[in-house]
């Protein structure tokens, strides 16, 4: 459904109309949002979601813009972007609360500076807190599930915020109950960590960051394109099939890391989708392994 610009502007006065979304994605791909809202508080988000629900306006939530592929036609109705707007972090002893827009590497640095251990792995995840809860994001042998206590989630069918525990969220490998509830929106999350030495934690973060920089391509991408399907990594399976350097338009299977599809500039979502399907087919035909995309397709 495509609403008139005048209607969207009336309902959401601070929204940007017909805003190109490639500006807000790590892959530098994406058509326009009919209306893009960047709220500055959880209350503003709640108000926007309630207004959208009352007027039947579909809502798409965008976090840090990583791990997503936005179609060339863009996203209809209202898109709410949380990254760089909802960025509060509060500490109480070994516990902390972080807004959904806080970038995970930033949270890793903040917790290390506080002498709190457990989120160092987050330095390898370029997304936001909201996205990390949604995906149960993980890296370097750890994952969000291990340290997350709860998440405050707006549930449009009830028109209110509910606090869901770790167990309620159904966290699994790159999965949460939020996948089955597309209208639910994470507003903030609570974590409990362990005491640690600040300098040791910072050193560990530097080591993880160095590993990531040395093993990742220096071009726009969505991060890891495919989930781990077996005891083997998707990158190695793709490489074994001789697909490094395979290209559709301006999108290429990176010669540096085969699980990254990089944009050489001006790449389209259509090209990315074609390359994803080509890689999946080749890996299945040659190795009998079904690769499942980790990237979320929006629009």
Foldseek 3Di string as FASTA:
>chain_A
DADDLVVLCVLPVVWDAQAFCLVQALQSAAGGERTEAEDQAPVVVLSSLQSCLVVVFDEAEAERRFLAHYARNHAHGYYYYHAPRQADWDDDVQKIKGWQRHFLLVVLLVCLQVQFDDSLQSVLPGTTNQQLLAQQDGDDPDTPLVWWAWWWKQQSVVSDTDIAGSVRQCDDHGHTCCVVVVSIGTTMTMTGTHGHNSVVSVVSSVVSVVVNVQQDDPARWSPQFWDQQDPDRLQVLLVVLVQAQPFFDQWGQHPRTRRTIGGNPPDYSVRVVVVVVVSQVSSCVVPVTGTDTSRHYHD
